[in-house]
């Protein structure tokens, strides 16, 4: 495992027109690209048509394959009405076993809470799916004020430090869990 890059799926959760998630995700992806040990797959849920339940449609199969191929995930999510987006819930529920025994990190954004209420709900959902939530997150409180008109973070030192911490922990968990899955299948 250590000789190949980890496959990190960065999932952009917002599906609203005019969303801010692309800006936040672009910033995070530039941080993750600085890690030679990561191979990125950006999964944008905008326009992705997934069913309310498990099915065998081509779009669901393609999405499931991308989730299955990932060693780790980072969810870039806003907070809508103290929760996470419905499209993200649909995407999470469209697959099941492919989340198991893999780490999930969170980059959130929103108003005063910075999306952290959405993250706390997501931790419960991913725990039910036997995924491992990374404790440290990146959150942007009053997100529109945290980025300039070019999509650059106004306080790069704080944001970059938080992203570096998240990525270090995510890589550690991804390597440990991958080794465990290879040694013995996860007993779900």
Protein backbone atom coordinates (compact mmCIF):
# COMPACT_ATOMS: atom_id res chain seq x y z
CA UNK A 1 0.00 0.00 0.00
CA UNK A 2 2.76 2.46 0.85
CA UNK A 3 4.19 2.21 -2.69
CA UNK A 4 1.03 3.48 -4.38
CA UNK A 5 -0.82 6.72 -3.82
CA UNK A 6 -3.97 6.66 -1.73
CA UNK A 7 -7.14 7.29 -3.68
CA UNK A 8 -8.92 10.24 -2.07
CA UNK A 9 -12.46 11.03 -3.20
CA UNK A 10 -13.39 14.66 -2.54
CA UNK A 11 -17.18 14.91 -2.62
CA UNK A 12 -18.79 18.31 -3.28
CA UNK A 13 -22.10 17.99 -1.46
CA UNK A 14 -24.04 21.09 -2.47
CA UNK A 15 -26.31 20.77 -5.47
CA UNK A 16 -27.88 24.22 -5.36
CA UNK A 17 -27.59 26.69 -8.21
CA UNK A 18 -25.16 29.47 -7.26
CA UNK A 19 -23.56 27.28 -4.59
CA UNK A 20 -20.36 28.24 -2.81
CA UNK A 21 -19.16 24.64 -2.51
CA UNK A 22 -17.10 24.76 -5.69
CA UNK A 23 -15.00 27.59 -4.26
CA UNK A 24 -14.36 25.74 -1.00
CA UNK A 25 -13.66 22.47 -2.82
CA UNK A 26 -11.21 24.12 -5.25
CA UNK A 27 -9.28 25.53 -2.31
CA UNK A 28 -9.19 22.16 -0.53
CA UNK A 29 -8.19 20.26 -3.68
CA UNK A 30 -5.19 22.57 -4.12
CA UNK A 31 -4.12 21.64 -0.57
CA UNK A 32 -4.57 17.92 -1.22
CA UNK A 33 -2.69 18.12 -4.54
CA UNK A 34 0.43 19.07 -2.59
CA UNK A 35 0.55 15.49 -1.25
CA UNK A 36 2.37 13.15 -3.61
CA UNK A 37 0.84 10.20 -1.78
CA UNK A 38 -2.72 11.16 -2.81
CA UNK A 39 -4.52 10.52 -6.08
CA UNK A 40 -7.64 12.70 -6.20
CA UNK A 41 -11.08 11.97 -7.58
CA UNK A 42 -13.40 14.97 -7.28
CA UNK A 43 -17.01 13.80 -7.20
CA UNK A 44 -19.41 16.69 -7.73
CA UNK A 45 -22.96 15.76 -6.75
CA UNK A 46 -24.37 18.66 -8.80
CA UNK A 47 -26.39 17.14 -11.61
CA UNK A 48 -25.76 13.58 -10.46
CA UNK A 49 -29.06 11.73 -10.62
CA UNK A 50 -29.12 9.03 -7.97
CA UNK A 51 -32.20 7.11 -6.82
CA UNK A 52 -33.75 7.18 -3.37
CA UNK A 53 -32.66 3.60 -2.82
CA UNK A 54 -30.13 1.08 -4.11
CA UNK A 55 -30.52 0.24 -7.79
CA UNK A 56 -28.56 -1.05 -10.78
CA UNK A 57 -28.76 2.00 -13.05
CA UNK A 58 -25.60 2.92 -15.00
CA UNK A 59 -25.23 6.18 -13.04
CA UNK A 60 -25.49 4.36 -9.70
CA UNK A 61 -23.03 1.70 -10.85
CA UNK A 62 -20.52 4.36 -11.93
CA UNK A 63 -20.90 6.26 -8.65
CA UNK A 64 -20.59 3.03 -6.64
CA UNK A 65 -17.40 2.13 -8.50
CA UNK A 66 -15.83 5.50 -7.64
CA UNK A 67 -16.75 5.13 -3.96
CA UNK A 68 -15.45 1.56 -3.94
CA UNK A 69 -12.13 2.60 -5.53
CA UNK A 70 -11.49 5.28 -2.91
CA UNK A 71 -9.27 4.63 0.09
CA UNK A 72 -10.56 7.73 1.88
CA UNK A 73 -13.11 10.51 1.53
CA UNK A 74 -13.40 14.21 2.23
CA UNK A 75 -16.91 15.60 2.22
CA UNK A 76 -17.12 19.32 1.36
CA UNK A 77 -20.50 20.30 2.77
CA UNK A 78 -22.55 23.35 3.57
CA UNK A 79 -25.01 23.55 6.41
CA UNK A 80 -28.63 23.97 5.35
CA UNK A 81 -31.11 24.61 8.18
CA UNK A 82 -28.77 23.02 10.76
CA UNK A 83 -28.26 19.94 8.57
CA UNK A 84 -26.51 18.63 5.50
CA UNK A 85 -27.85 18.66 1.93
CA UNK A 86 -30.48 16.17 0.80
CA UNK A 87 -28.41 15.31 -2.29
CA UNK A 88 -25.58 14.19 -0.04
CA UNK A 89 -27.92 11.91 1.92
CA UNK A 90 -29.12 10.41 -1.35
CA UNK A 91 -25.50 9.83 -2.47
CA UNK A 92 -24.52 8.24 0.84
CA UNK A 93 -27.53 5.92 0.73
CA UNK A 94 -27.03 4.98 -2.95
CA UNK A 95 -24.16 2.68 -1.88
CA UNK A 96 -23.51 0.74 1.29
CA UNK A 97 -20.60 -1.66 1.65
CA UNK A 98 -18.22 0.62 -0.28
CA UNK A 99 -18.02 3.07 2.65
CA UNK A 100 -17.01 0.42 5.20
CA UNK A 101 -13.71 0.59 7.07
CA UNK A 102 -12.59 3.75 5.27
CA UNK A 103 -11.88 7.17 6.78
CA UNK A 104 -14.06 10.20 6.12
CA UNK A 105 -12.89 13.77 6.68
CA UNK A 106 -14.99 16.90 6.55
CA UNK A 107 -14.57 20.40 5.15
CA UNK A 108 -17.61 22.46 6.06
CA UNK A 109 -18.80 25.97 5.47
CA UNK A 110 -21.74 28.09 6.43
CA UNK A 111 -22.80 30.94 8.65
CA UNK A 112 -21.92 31.35 12.31
CA UNK A 113 -21.56 27.60 12.90
CA UNK A 114 -19.36 27.08 9.84
CA UNK A 115 -21.25 23.95 8.83
CA UNK A 116 -20.26 22.06 11.97
CA UNK A 117 -23.85 21.06 12.80
CA UNK A 118 -24.01 19.30 9.43
CA UNK A 119 -20.71 17.57 10.18
CA UNK A 120 -21.95 16.29 13.54
CA UNK A 121 -24.97 14.71 11.84
CA UNK A 122 -22.76 13.19 9.15
CA UNK A 123 -20.54 11.61 11.79
CA UNK A 124 -23.56 9.60 13.00
CA UNK A 125 -24.51 8.55 9.48
CA UNK A 126 -21.00 7.41 8.58
CA UNK A 127 -20.60 5.58 11.90
CA UNK A 128 -23.70 3.58 11.01
CA UNK A 129 -22.03 2.67 7.70
CA UNK A 130 -18.90 1.49 9.57
CA UNK A 131 -16.78 4.34 8.22
CA UNK A 132 -14.27 6.11 10.46
CA UNK A 133 -14.87 9.84 10.95
CA UNK A 134 -11.73 11.97 11.28
CA UNK A 135 -11.99 14.11 14.39
CA UNK A 136 -10.28 17.27 13.10
CA UNK A 137 -12.14 19.21 10.44
CA UNK A 138 -11.76 22.32 8.36
CA UNK A 139 -14.65 24.73 8.79
CA UNK A 140 -15.30 28.15 7.36
CA UNK A 141 -17.53 30.31 9.54
CA UNK A 142 -19.25 33.09 7.61
CA UNK A 143 -17.75 31.43 4.55
CA UNK A 144 -18.45 34.17 2.03
CA UNK A 145 -16.27 36.51 4.10
CA UNK A 146 -13.42 33.97 4.32
CA UNK A 147 -12.65 33.96 0.58
CA UNK A 148 -11.75 36.82 -1.74
CA UNK A 149 -13.26 37.36 -5.20
CA UNK A 150 -10.62 35.05 -6.74
CA UNK A 151 -11.56 32.17 -4.44
CA UNK A 152 -8.46 32.55 -2.27
CA UNK A 153 -8.70 32.16 1.50
CA UNK A 154 -8.21 35.47 3.33
CA UNK A 155 -6.48 33.78 6.30
CA UNK A 156 -4.39 31.12 4.59
CA UNK A 157 -2.23 30.27 7.61
CA UNK A 158 -5.15 29.13 9.77
CA UNK A 159 -7.01 27.38 6.94
CA UNK A 160 -3.91 25.68 5.53
CA UNK A 161 -2.89 24.45 8.99
CA UNK A 162 -6.34 22.94 9.52
CA UNK A 163 -6.24 21.28 6.09
CA UNK A 164 -2.74 19.90 6.72
CA UNK A 165 -3.86 18.40 10.03
CA UNK A 166 -6.94 16.83 8.44
CA UNK A 167 -4.91 15.39 5.56
CA UNK A 168 -2.20 13.93 7.84
CA UNK A 169 -4.81 12.18 9.97
CA UNK A 170 -6.77 11.03 6.93
CA UNK A 171 -3.66 9.51 5.31
CA UNK A 172 -2.73 7.74 8.56
CA UNK A 173 -6.21 6.22 8.91
CA UNK A 174 -6.43 5.34 5.22
CA UNK A 175 -3.14 3.42 5.34
CA UNK A 176 -4.02 1.67 8.61
CA UNK A 177 -7.51 0.69 7.46
CA UNK A 178 -6.32 -0.44 4.05
CA UNK A 179 -3.73 -2.70 5.67
CA UNK A 180 -6.40 -4.09 7.99
CA UNK A 181 -8.83 -4.76 5.10
CA UNK A 182 -6.08 -6.55 3.16
CA UNK A 183 -5.09 -8.65 6.18
CA UNK A 184 -8.66 -9.61 6.98
CA UNK A 185 -11.99 -8.63 5.41
CA UNK A 186 -14.02 -6.25 7.54
CA UNK A 187 -16.54 -8.23 9.64
CA UNK A 188 -19.70 -6.24 8.97
